[in-house]
Amino acid sequence: MAAPAEACNGHPCPHPSGKCPFNAVKLGVCADVLDGLIHAVLPPTNDKQPCCSLISGLVDLDAAVCVCLAINAGVLGIDLDVTVDLTLLLNFCGCKVPPGFQCA
């Protein structure tokens, strides 16, 4: 079993613990989608695909862990309200934040 820092790419692990099956840095493609959602401008459909295709096939917990890791790593490049923006992005891509999930 990996140590917590290794399991979460050197960042604090979210709780409850899940796993991100890919490097969360790849979620940098979600920055434009999330920025559009925050500013109430629906992003073009072609911008949704690279982001949502990464997380929409995951179970909700793993999708939330991946997005949380991306937020913690700063790969989205925008100032975030973690709880609200995590929910916005997951809902936009057809996932849900699991009950009791906290982005550490």
PDB file of N, CA and C in Angstrom:
ATOM      1  N   MET A   1       0.842  -1.183   0.000  1.00  0.00           N
ATOM      2  CA  MET A   1       0.000   0.000   0.000  1.00  0.00           C
ATOM      3  C   MET A   1       0.879   1.235   0.000  1.00  0.00           C
ATOM      4  N   ALA A   2       0.535   2.209  -0.814  1.00  0.00           N
ATOM      5  CA  ALA A   2       1.336   3.425  -0.942  1.00  0.00           C
ATOM      6  C   ALA A   2       1.134   4.328   0.264  1.00  0.00           C
ATOM      7  N   ALA A   3       2.188   5.049   0.621  1.00  0.00           N
ATOM      8  CA  ALA A   3       2.073   6.052   1.682  1.00  0.00           C
ATOM      9  C   ALA A   3       1.133   7.143   1.206  1.00  0.00           C
ATOM     10  N   PRO A   4       0.436   7.836   2.123  1.00  0.00           N
ATOM     11  CA  PRO A   4      -0.545   8.847   1.711  1.00  0.00           C
ATOM     12  C   PRO A   4       0.007   9.878   0.733  1.00  0.00           C
ATOM     13  N   ALA A   5       1.211  10.374   0.957  1.00  0.00           N
ATOM     14  CA  ALA A   5       1.766  11.375   0.041  1.00  0.00           C
ATOM     15  C   ALA A   5       1.989  10.795  -1.346  1.00  0.00           C
ATOM     16  N   GLU A   6       2.406   9.534  -1.420  1.00  0.00           N
ATOM     17  CA  GLU A   6       2.609   8.896  -2.718  1.00  0.00           C
ATOM     18  C   GLU A   6       1.277   8.628  -3.404  1.00  0.00           C
ATOM     19  N   ALA A   7       0.288   8.210  -2.642  1.00  0.00           N
ATOM     20  CA  ALA A   7      -1.015   7.884  -3.205  1.00  0.00           C
ATOM     21  C   ALA A   7      -1.681   9.113  -3.807  1.00  0.00           C
ATOM     22  N   CYS A   8      -1.366  10.294  -3.303  1.00  0.00           N
ATOM     23  CA  CYS A   8      -2.006  11.530  -3.762  1.00  0.00           C
ATOM     24  C   CYS A   8      -1.008  12.466  -4.451  1.00  0.00           C
ATOM     25  N   ASN A   9      -0.006  11.893  -5.073  1.00  0.00           N
ATOM     26  CA  ASN A   9       0.981  12.665  -5.839  1.00  0.00           C
ATOM     27  C   ASN A   9       1.649  13.758  -5.011  1.00  0.00           C
ATOM     28  N   GLY A  10       1.901  13.502  -3.729  1.00  0.00           N
ATOM     29  CA  GLY A  10       2.588  14.465  -2.882  1.00  0.00           C
ATOM     30  C   GLY A  10       1.694  15.532  -2.282  1.00  0.00           C
ATOM     31  N   HIS A  11       0.399  15.479  -2.523  1.00  0.00           N
ATOM     32  CA  HIS A  11      -0.557  16.454  -1.994  1.00  0.00           C
ATOM     33  C   HIS A  11      -1.403  15.792  -0.922  1.00  0.00           C
ATOM     34  N   PRO A  12      -2.019  16.601  -0.031  1.00  0.00           N
ATOM     35  CA  PRO A  12      -2.896  15.975   0.973  1.00  0.00           C
ATOM     36  C   PRO A  12      -4.014  15.194   0.299  1.00  0.00           C
ATOM     37  N   CYS A  13      -4.285  14.012   0.808  1.00  0.00           N
ATOM     38  CA  CYS A  13      -5.340  13.183   0.230  1.00  0.00           C
ATOM     39  C   CYS A  13      -6.713  13.681   0.660  1.00  0.00           C
ATOM     40  N   PRO A  14      -7.673  13.687  -0.255  1.00  0.00           N
ATOM     41  CA  PRO A  14      -9.047  14.029   0.104  1.00  0.00           C
ATOM     42  C   PRO A  14      -9.649  12.943   0.996  1.00  0.00           C
ATOM     43  N   HIS A  15     -10.715  13.292   1.680  1.00  0.00           N
ATOM     44  CA  HIS A  15     -11.403  12.325   2.541  1.00  0.00           C
ATOM     45  C   HIS A  15     -12.868  12.282   2.174  1.00  0.00           C
ATOM     46  N   PRO A  16     -13.567  11.172   2.077  1.00  0.00           N
ATOM     47  CA  PRO A  16     -12.984   9.840   2.210  1.00  0.00           C
ATOM     48  C   PRO A  16     -12.036   9.553   1.056  1.00  0.00           C
ATOM     49  N   SER A  17     -11.077   8.681   1.322  1.00  0.00           N
ATOM     50  CA  SER A  17     -10.046   8.405   0.323  1.00  0.00           C
ATOM     51  C   SER A  17     -10.588   7.605  -0.856  1.00  0.00           C
ATOM     52  N   GLY A  18     -10.231   8.022  -2.027  1.00  0.00           N
ATOM     53  CA  GLY A  18     -10.478   7.306  -3.265  1.00  0.00           C
ATOM     54  C   GLY A  18      -9.143   7.267  -3.972  1.00  0.00           C
ATOM     55  N   LYS A  19      -9.163   7.098  -5.272  1.00  0.00           N
ATOM     56  CA  LYS A  19      -7.898   7.130  -6.003  1.00  0.00           C
ATOM     57  C   LYS A  19      -8.124   7.791  -7.351  1.00  0.00           C
ATOM     58  N   CYS A  20      -7.087   8.401  -7.840  1.00  0.00           N
ATOM     59  CA  CYS A  20      -7.134   9.014  -9.166  1.00  0.00           C
ATOM     60  C   CYS A  20      -6.296   8.122 -10.073  1.00  0.00           C
ATOM     61  N   PRO A  21      -6.928   7.484 -11.058  1.00  0.00           N
ATOM     62  CA  PRO A  21      -6.203   6.511 -11.880  1.00  0.00           C
ATOM     63  C   PRO A  21      -5.279   7.128 -12.935  1.00  0.00           C
ATOM     64  N   PHE A  22      -5.188   8.462 -12.967  1.00  0.00           N
ATOM     65  CA  PHE A  22      -4.267   9.114 -13.898  1.00  0.00           C
ATOM     66  C   PHE A  22      -3.644  10.308 -13.198  1.00  0.00           C
ATOM     67  N   ASN A  23      -2.628  10.878 -13.799  1.00  0.00           N
ATOM     68  CA  ASN A  23      -1.965  12.047 -13.232  1.00  0.00           C
ATOM     69  C   ASN A  23      -2.932  13.233 -13.291  1.00  0.00           C
ATOM     70  N   ALA A  24      -3.265  13.798 -12.140  1.00  0.00           N
ATOM     71  CA  ALA A  24      -4.246  14.879 -12.050  1.00  0.00           C
ATOM     72  C   ALA A  24      -3.821  16.123 -12.834  1.00  0.00           C
ATOM     73  N   VAL A  25      -2.553  16.234 -13.182  1.00  0.00           N
ATOM     74  CA  VAL A  25      -2.082  17.372 -13.985  1.00  0.00           C
ATOM     75  C   VAL A  25      -2.801  17.412 -15.333  1.00  0.00           C
ATOM     76  N   LYS A  26      -3.234  16.247 -15.816  1.00  0.00           N
ATOM     77  CA  LYS A  26      -3.966  16.191 -17.085  1.00  0.00           C
ATOM     78  C   LYS A  26      -5.250  17.003 -17.033  1.00  0.00           C
ATOM     79  N   LEU A  27      -5.770  17.252 -15.827  1.00  0.00           N
ATOM     80  CA  LEU A  27      -7.013  18.008 -15.697  1.00  0.00           C
ATOM     81  C   LEU A  27      -6.826  19.503 -15.941  1.00  0.00           C
ATOM     82  N   GLY A  28      -5.623  19.911 -16.291  1.00  0.00           N
ATOM     83  CA  GLY A  28      -5.405  21.299 -16.707  1.00  0.00           C
ATOM     84  C   GLY A  28      -6.307  21.671 -17.874  1.00  0.00           C
ATOM     85  N   VAL A  29      -6.741  20.669 -18.655  1.00  0.00           N
ATOM     86  CA  VAL A  29      -7.659  20.922 -19.775  1.00  0.00           C
ATOM     87  C   VAL A  29      -9.033  21.368 -19.283  1.00  0.00           C
ATOM     88  N   CYS A  30      -9.285  21.237 -17.980  1.00  0.00           N
ATOM     89  CA  CYS A  30     -10.580  21.634 -17.421  1.00  0.00           C
ATOM     90  C   CYS A  30     -10.621  23.109 -17.023  1.00  0.00           C
ATOM     91  N   ALA A  31      -9.497  23.801 -17.078  1.00  0.00           N
ATOM     92  CA  ALA A  31      -9.459  25.193 -16.626  1.00  0.00           C
ATOM     93  C   ALA A  31     -10.438  26.069 -17.393  1.00  0.00           C
ATOM     94  N   ASP A  32     -10.481  25.959 -18.719  1.00  0.00           N
ATOM     95  CA  ASP A  32     -11.391  26.788 -19.512  1.00  0.00           C
ATOM     96  C   ASP A  32     -12.846  26.452 -19.235  1.00  0.00           C
ATOM     97  N   VAL A  33     -13.135  25.171 -19.057  1.00  0.00           N
ATOM     98  CA  VAL A  33     -14.504  24.751 -18.758  1.00  0.00           C
ATOM     99  C   VAL A  33     -14.937  25.341 -17.429  1.00  0.00           C
ATOM    100  N   LEU A  34     -14.103  25.192 -16.404  1.00  0.00           N
ATOM    101  CA  LEU A  34     -14.447  25.683 -15.086  1.00  0.00           C
ATOM    102  C   LEU A  34     -14.539  27.200 -15.071  1.00  0.00           C
ATOM    103  N   ASP A  35     -13.624  27.868 -15.753  1.00  0.00           N
ATOM    104  CA  ASP A  35     -13.670  29.330 -15.826  1.00  0.00           C
ATOM    105  C   ASP A  35     -14.972  29.779 -16.483  1.00  0.00           C
ATOM    106  N   GLY A  36     -15.412  29.087 -17.524  1.00  0.00           N
ATOM    107  CA  GLY A  36     -16.679  29.413 -18.173  1.00  0.00           C
ATOM    108  C   GLY A  36     -17.865  29.185 -17.257  1.00  0.00           C
ATOM    109  N   LEU A  37     -17.825  28.134 -16.462  1.00  0.00           N
ATOM    110  CA  LEU A  37     -18.910  27.854 -15.523  1.00  0.00           C
ATOM    111  C   LEU A  37     -18.963  28.893 -14.410  1.00  0.00           C
ATOM    112  N   ILE A  38     -17.807  29.287 -13.900  1.00  0.00           N
ATOM    113  CA  ILE A  38     -17.738  30.279 -12.825  1.00  0.00           C
ATOM    114  C   ILE A  38     -18.309  31.616 -13.290  1.00  0.00           C
ATOM    115  N   HIS A  39     -17.999  31.982 -14.519  1.00  0.00           N
ATOM    116  CA  HIS A  39     -18.442  33.275 -15.048  1.00  0.00           C
ATOM    117  C   HIS A  39     -19.747  33.163 -15.829  1.00  0.00           C
ATOM    118  N   ALA A  40     -20.445  32.051 -15.652  1.00  0.00           N
ATOM    119  CA  ALA A  40     -21.770  31.817 -16.260  1.00  0.00           C
ATOM    120  C   ALA A  40     -21.764  31.956 -17.775  1.00  0.00           C
ATOM    121  N   VAL A  41     -20.659  31.562 -18.383  1.00  0.00           N
ATOM    122  CA  VAL A  41     -20.562  31.528 -19.840  1.00  0.00           C
ATOM    123  C   VAL A  41     -20.361  30.072 -20.206  1.00  0.00           C
ATOM    124  N   LEU A  42     -21.360  29.480 -20.816  1.00  0.00           N
ATOM    125  CA  LEU A  42     -21.254  28.072 -21.165  1.00  0.00           C
ATOM    126  C   LEU A  42     -20.122  27.879 -22.156  1.00  0.00           C
ATOM    127  N   PRO A  43     -19.153  27.033 -21.822  1.00  0.00           N
ATOM    128  CA  PRO A  43     -18.035  26.826 -22.742  1.00  0.00           C
ATOM    129  C   PRO A  43     -18.498  26.114 -24.018  1.00  0.00           C
ATOM    130  N   PRO A  44     -17.803  26.354 -25.115  1.00  0.00           N
ATOM    131  CA  PRO A  44     -18.142  25.641 -26.347  1.00  0.00           C
ATOM    132  C   PRO A  44     -18.051  24.131 -26.137  1.00  0.00           C
ATOM    133  N   THR A  45     -18.879  23.388 -26.837  1.00  0.00           N
ATOM    134  CA  THR A  45     -18.940  21.940 -26.689  1.00  0.00           C
ATOM    135  C   THR A  45     -17.573  21.295 -26.875  1.00  0.00           C
ATOM    136  N   ASN A  46     -16.776  21.782 -27.813  1.00  0.00           N
ATOM    137  CA  ASN A  46     -15.482  21.147 -28.054  1.00  0.00           C
ATOM    138  C   ASN A  46     -14.520  21.333 -26.878  1.00  0.00           C
ATOM    139  N   ASP A  47     -14.727  22.334 -26.009  1.00  0.00           N
ATOM    140  CA  ASP A  47     -13.886  22.501 -24.833  1.00  0.00           C
ATOM    141  C   ASP A  47     -14.296  21.538 -23.716  1.00  0.00           C
ATOM    142  N   LYS A  48     -15.527  21.072 -23.726  1.00  0.00           N
ATOM    143  CA  LYS A  48     -16.011  20.156 -22.698  1.00  0.00           C
ATOM    144  C   LYS A  48     -15.378  18.775 -22.862  1.00  0.00           C
ATOM    145  N   GLN A  49     -15.190  18.347 -24.082  1.00  0.00           N
ATOM    146  CA  GLN A  49     -14.777  16.977 -24.356  1.00  0.00           C
ATOM    147  C   GLN A  49     -13.464  16.564 -23.690  1.00  0.00           C
ATOM    148  N   PRO A  50     -12.360  17.313 -23.845  1.00  0.00           N
ATOM    149  CA  PRO A  50     -11.114  16.811 -23.240  1.00  0.00           C
ATOM    150  C   PRO A  50     -11.205  16.706 -21.726  1.00  0.00           C
ATOM    151  N   CYS A  51     -11.899  17.626 -21.092  1.00  0.00           N
ATOM    152  CA  CYS A  51     -12.028  17.618 -19.637  1.00  0.00           C
ATOM    153  C   CYS A  51     -12.944  16.488 -19.183  1.00  0.00           C
ATOM    154  N   CYS A  52     -14.159  16.496 -19.662  1.00  0.00           N
ATOM    155  CA  CYS A  52     -15.144  15.522 -19.192  1.00  0.00           C
ATOM    156  C   CYS A  52     -14.803  14.101 -19.597  1.00  0.00           C
ATOM    157  N   SER A  53     -14.116  13.927 -20.700  1.00  0.00           N
ATOM    158  CA  SER A  53     -13.761  12.566 -21.098  1.00  0.00           C
ATOM    159  C   SER A  53     -12.784  11.943 -20.103  1.00  0.00           C
ATOM    160  N   LEU A  54     -12.011  12.765 -19.396  1.00  0.00           N
ATOM    161  CA  LEU A  54     -11.089  12.239 -18.394  1.00  0.00           C
ATOM    162  C   LEU A  54     -11.816  11.748 -17.141  1.00  0.00           C
ATOM    163  N   ILE A  55     -12.852  12.477 -16.711  1.00  0.00           N
ATOM    164  CA  ILE A  55     -13.470  12.141 -15.430  1.00  0.00           C
ATOM    165  C   ILE A  55     -14.843  11.480 -15.513  1.00  0.00           C
ATOM    166  N   SER A  56     -15.524  11.616 -16.639  1.00  0.00           N
ATOM    167  CA  SER A  56     -16.899  11.105 -16.687  1.00  0.00           C
ATOM    168  C   SER A  56     -16.982   9.582 -16.624  1.00  0.00           C
ATOM    169  N   GLY A  57     -15.920   8.885 -16.964  1.00  0.00           N
ATOM    170  CA  GLY A  57     -15.944   7.432 -16.906  1.00  0.00           C
ATOM    171  C   GLY A  57     -15.555   6.878 -15.547  1.00  0.00           C
ATOM    172  N   LEU A  58     -15.213   7.750 -14.612  1.00  0.00           N
ATOM    173  CA  LEU A  58     -14.793   7.320 -13.281  1.00  0.00           C
ATOM    174  C   LEU A  58     -15.991   7.243 -12.337  1.00  0.00           C
ATOM    175  N   VAL A  59     -15.873   6.439 -11.297  1.00  0.00           N
ATOM    176  CA  VAL A  59     -16.896   6.485 -10.257  1.00  0.00           C
ATOM    177  C   VAL A  59     -16.798   7.852  -9.594  1.00  0.00           C
ATOM    178  N   ASP A  60     -17.900   8.316  -9.022  1.00  0.00           N
ATOM    179  CA  ASP A  60     -17.956   9.670  -8.480  1.00  0.00           C
ATOM    180  C   ASP A  60     -16.823   9.975  -7.502  1.00  0.00           C
ATOM    181  N   LEU A  61     -16.494   9.040  -6.616  1.00  0.00           N
ATOM    182  CA  LEU A  61     -15.444   9.284  -5.628  1.00  0.00           C
ATOM    183  C   LEU A  61     -14.099   9.502  -6.307  1.00  0.00           C
ATOM    184  N   ASP A  62     -13.753   8.660  -7.268  1.00  0.00           N
ATOM    185  CA  ASP A  62     -12.472   8.810  -7.956  1.00  0.00           C
ATOM    186  C   ASP A  62     -12.433  10.090  -8.784  1.00  0.00           C
ATOM    187  N   ALA A  63     -13.547  10.460  -9.408  1.00  0.00           N
ATOM    188  CA  ALA A  63     -13.605  11.721 -10.158  1.00  0.00           C
ATOM    189  C   ALA A  63     -13.392  12.894  -9.218  1.00  0.00           C
ATOM    190  N   ALA A  64     -14.016  12.865  -8.050  1.00  0.00           N
ATOM    191  CA  ALA A  64     -13.851  13.944  -7.071  1.00  0.00           C
ATOM    192  C   ALA A  64     -12.411  14.015  -6.584  1.00  0.00           C
ATOM    193  N   VAL A  65     -11.787  12.869  -6.358  1.00  0.00           N
ATOM    194  CA  VAL A  65     -10.386  12.840  -5.914  1.00  0.00           C
ATOM    195  C   VAL A  65      -9.495  13.460  -6.980  1.00  0.00           C
ATOM    196  N   CYS A  66      -9.697  13.107  -8.236  1.00  0.00           N
ATOM    197  CA  CYS A  66      -8.876  13.654  -9.320  1.00  0.00           C
ATOM    198  C   CYS A  66      -8.998  15.180  -9.405  1.00  0.00           C
ATOM    199  N   VAL A  67     -10.224  15.675  -9.360  1.00  0.00           N
ATOM    200  CA  VAL A  67     -10.430  17.124  -9.450  1.00  0.00           C
ATOM    201  C   VAL A  67      -9.840  17.807  -8.221  1.00  0.00           C
ATOM    202  N   CYS A  68     -10.016  17.211  -7.054  1.00  0.00           N
ATOM    203  CA  CYS A  68      -9.449  17.771  -5.833  1.00  0.00           C
ATOM    204  C   CYS A  68      -7.925  17.842  -5.923  1.00  0.00           C
ATOM    205  N   LEU A  69      -7.304  16.784  -6.407  1.00  0.00           N
ATOM    206  CA  LEU A  69      -5.847  16.784  -6.563  1.00  0.00           C
ATOM    207  C   LEU A  69      -5.404  17.867  -7.542  1.00  0.00           C
ATOM    208  N   ALA A  70      -6.163  18.050  -8.619  1.00  0.00           N
ATOM    209  CA  ALA A  70      -5.828  19.087  -9.601  1.00  0.00           C
ATOM    210  C   ALA A  70      -5.935  20.472  -8.967  1.00  0.00           C
ATOM    211  N   ILE A  71      -6.961  20.679  -8.142  1.00  0.00           N
ATOM    212  CA  ILE A  71      -7.122  21.959  -7.448  1.00  0.00           C
ATOM    213  C   ILE A  71      -5.952  22.178  -6.495  1.00  0.00           C
ATOM    214  N   ASN A  72      -5.624  21.157  -5.695  1.00  0.00           N
ATOM    215  CA  ASN A  72      -4.522  21.278  -4.731  1.00  0.00           C
ATOM    216  C   ASN A  72      -3.185  21.515  -5.421  1.00  0.00           C
ATOM    217  N   ALA A  73      -2.994  20.925  -6.585  1.00  0.00           N
ATOM    218  CA  ALA A  73      -1.736  21.086  -7.319  1.00  0.00           C
ATOM    219  C   ALA A  73      -1.681  22.403  -8.081  1.00  0.00           C
ATOM    220  N   GLY A  74      -2.801  23.120  -8.153  1.00  0.00           N
ATOM    221  CA  GLY A  74      -2.835  24.404  -8.851  1.00  0.00           C
ATOM    222  C   GLY A  74      -2.788  24.275 -10.364  1.00  0.00           C
ATOM    223  N   VAL A  75      -3.120  23.101 -10.903  1.00  0.00           N
ATOM    224  CA  VAL A  75      -3.002  22.903 -12.348  1.00  0.00           C
ATOM    225  C   VAL A  75      -4.125  23.592 -13.134  1.00  0.00           C
ATOM    226  N   LEU A  76      -5.189  24.004 -12.449  1.00  0.00           N
ATOM    227  CA  LEU A  76      -6.281  24.673 -13.164  1.00  0.00           C
ATOM    228  C   LEU A  76      -5.975  26.149 -13.390  1.00  0.00           C
ATOM    229  N   GLY A  77      -5.016  26.692 -12.641  1.00  0.00           N
ATOM    230  CA  GLY A  77      -4.528  28.035 -12.896  1.00  0.00           C
ATOM    231  C   GLY A  77      -5.510  29.156 -12.617  1.00  0.00           C
ATOM    232  N   ILE A  78      -6.557  28.911 -11.858  1.00  0.00           N
ATOM    233  CA  ILE A  78      -7.509  29.961 -11.511  1.00  0.00           C
ATOM    234  C   ILE A  78      -7.814  29.872 -10.024  1.00  0.00           C
ATOM    235  N   ASP A  79      -8.198  31.010  -9.416  1.00  0.00           N
ATOM    236  CA  ASP A  79      -8.574  31.011  -8.006  1.00  0.00           C
ATOM    237  C   ASP A  79      -9.909  30.300  -7.863  1.00  0.00           C
ATOM    238  N   LEU A  80      -9.991  29.401  -6.906  1.00  0.00           N
ATOM    239  CA  LEU A  80     -11.162  28.548  -6.784  1.00  0.00           C
ATOM    240  C   LEU A  80     -11.776  28.575  -5.396  1.00  0.00           C
ATOM    241  N   ASP A  81     -13.085  28.453  -5.344  1.00  0.00           N
ATOM    242  CA  ASP A  81     -13.813  28.107  -4.129  1.00  0.00           C
ATOM    243  C   ASP A  81     -13.968  26.600  -4.242  1.00  0.00           C
ATOM    244  N   VAL A  82     -13.126  25.867  -3.541  1.00  0.00           N
ATOM    245  CA  VAL A  82     -12.988  24.428  -3.767  1.00  0.00           C
ATOM    246  C   VAL A  82     -14.319  23.684  -3.740  1.00  0.00           C
ATOM    247  N   THR A  83     -15.121  23.907  -2.718  1.00  0.00           N
ATOM    248  CA  THR A  83     -16.365  23.154  -2.592  1.00  0.00           C
ATOM    249  C   THR A  83     -17.323  23.442  -3.741  1.00  0.00           C
ATOM    250  N   VAL A  84     -17.538  24.708  -4.055  1.00  0.00           N
ATOM    251  CA  VAL A  84     -18.471  25.093  -5.112  1.00  0.00           C
ATOM    252  C   VAL A  84     -17.956  24.666  -6.479  1.00  0.00           C
ATOM    253  N   ASP A  85     -16.696  24.945  -6.746  1.00  0.00           N
ATOM    254  CA  ASP A  85     -16.152  24.677  -8.073  1.00  0.00           C
ATOM    255  C   ASP A  85     -15.957  23.184  -8.336  1.00  0.00           C
ATOM    256  N   LEU A  86     -15.637  22.430  -7.305  1.00  0.00           N
ATOM    257  CA  LEU A  86     -15.564  20.977  -7.441  1.00  0.00           C
ATOM    258  C   LEU A  86     -16.930  20.438  -7.848  1.00  0.00           C
ATOM    259  N   THR A  87     -17.974  20.915  -7.181  1.00  0.00           N
ATOM    260  CA  THR A  87     -19.343  20.489  -7.486  1.00  0.00           C
ATOM    261  C   THR A  87     -19.754  20.910  -8.888  1.00  0.00           C
ATOM    262  N   LEU A  88     -19.454  22.158  -9.274  1.00  0.00           N
ATOM    263  CA  LEU A  88     -19.800  22.649 -10.613  1.00  0.00           C
ATOM    264  C   LEU A  88     -19.182  21.787 -11.699  1.00  0.00           C
ATOM    265  N   LEU A  89     -17.890  21.538 -11.576  1.00  0.00           N
ATOM    266  CA  LEU A  89     -17.186  20.786 -12.619  1.00  0.00           C
ATOM    267  C   LEU A  89     -17.669  19.342 -12.684  1.00  0.00           C
ATOM    268  N   LEU A  90     -17.823  18.707 -11.533  1.00  0.00           N
ATOM    269  CA  LEU A  90     -18.282  17.314 -11.544  1.00  0.00           C
ATOM    270  C   LEU A  90     -19.694  17.204 -12.112  1.00  0.00           C
ATOM    271  N   ASN A  91     -20.594  18.098 -11.701  1.00  0.00           N
ATOM    272  CA  ASN A  91     -21.961  18.069 -12.230  1.00  0.00           C
ATOM    273  C   ASN A  91     -21.979  18.296 -13.734  1.00  0.00           C
ATOM    274  N   PHE A  92     -21.165  19.222 -14.209  1.00  0.00           N
ATOM    275  CA  PHE A  92     -21.095  19.534 -15.636  1.00  0.00           C
ATOM    276  C   PHE A  92     -20.674  18.303 -16.447  1.00  0.00           C
ATOM    277  N   CYS A  93     -19.818  17.486 -15.846  1.00  0.00           N
ATOM    278  CA  CYS A  93     -19.325  16.293 -16.538  1.00  0.00           C
ATOM    279  C   CYS A  93     -20.122  15.033 -16.193  1.00  0.00           C
ATOM    280  N   GLY A  94     -21.250  15.189 -15.523  1.00  0.00           N
ATOM    281  CA  GLY A  94     -22.120  14.050 -15.256  1.00  0.00           C
ATOM    282  C   GLY A  94     -21.767  13.240 -14.022  1.00  0.00           C
ATOM    283  N   CYS A  95     -20.951  13.795 -13.139  1.00  0.00           N
ATOM    284  CA  CYS A  95     -20.592  13.119 -11.894  1.00  0.00           C
ATOM    285  C   CYS A  95     -21.171  13.899 -10.721  1.00  0.00           C
ATOM    286  N   LYS A  96     -21.100  13.305  -9.551  1.00  0.00           N
ATOM    287  CA  LYS A  96     -21.585  13.959  -8.335  1.00  0.00           C
ATOM    288  C   LYS A  96     -20.528  13.880  -7.256  1.00  0.00           C
ATOM    289  N   VAL A  97     -20.522  14.881  -6.370  1.00  0.00           N
ATOM    290  CA  VAL A  97     -19.639  14.835  -5.213  1.00  0.00           C
ATOM    291  C   VAL A  97     -20.256  13.843  -4.224  1.00  0.00           C
ATOM    292  N   PRO A  98     -19.505  12.822  -3.828  1.00  0.00           N
ATOM    293  CA  PRO A  98     -20.060  11.834  -2.897  1.00  0.00           C
ATOM    294  C   PRO A  98     -20.394  12.478  -1.546  1.00  0.00           C
ATOM    295  N   PRO A  99     -21.433  11.983  -0.877  1.00  0.00           N
ATOM    296  CA  PRO A  99     -21.773  12.512   0.451  1.00  0.00           C
ATOM    297  C   PRO A  99     -20.589  12.388   1.396  1.00  0.00           C
ATOM    298  N   GLY A 100     -20.313  13.436   2.144  1.00  0.00           N
ATOM    299  CA  GLY A 100     -19.232  13.429   3.108  1.00  0.00           C
ATOM    300  C   GLY A 100     -17.853  13.673   2.531  1.00  0.00           C
ATOM    301  N   PHE A 101     -17.746  13.887   1.222  1.00  0.00           N
ATOM    302  CA  PHE A 101     -16.441  14.101   0.594  1.00  0.00           C
ATOM    303  C   PHE A 101     -15.920  15.475   0.959  1.00  0.00           C
ATOM    304  N   GLN A 102     -14.664  15.541   1.367  1.00  0.00           N
ATOM    305  CA  GLN A 102     -14.010  16.813   1.670  1.00  0.00           C
ATOM    306  C   GLN A 102     -12.704  16.875   0.897  1.00  0.00           C
ATOM    307  N   CYS A 103     -12.530  17.938   0.178  1.00  0.00           N
ATOM    308  CA  CYS A 103     -11.278  18.150  -0.558  1.00  0.00           C
ATOM    309  C   CYS A 103     -10.272  18.732   0.411  1.00  0.00           C
ATOM    310  N   ALA A 104      -9.236  17.960   0.766  1.00  0.00           N
ATOM    311  CA  ALA A 104      -8.253  18.390   1.764  1.00  0.00           C
ATOM    312  C   ALA A 104      -7.329  19.445   1.197  1.00  0.00           C
TER     313      ALA A 104
END
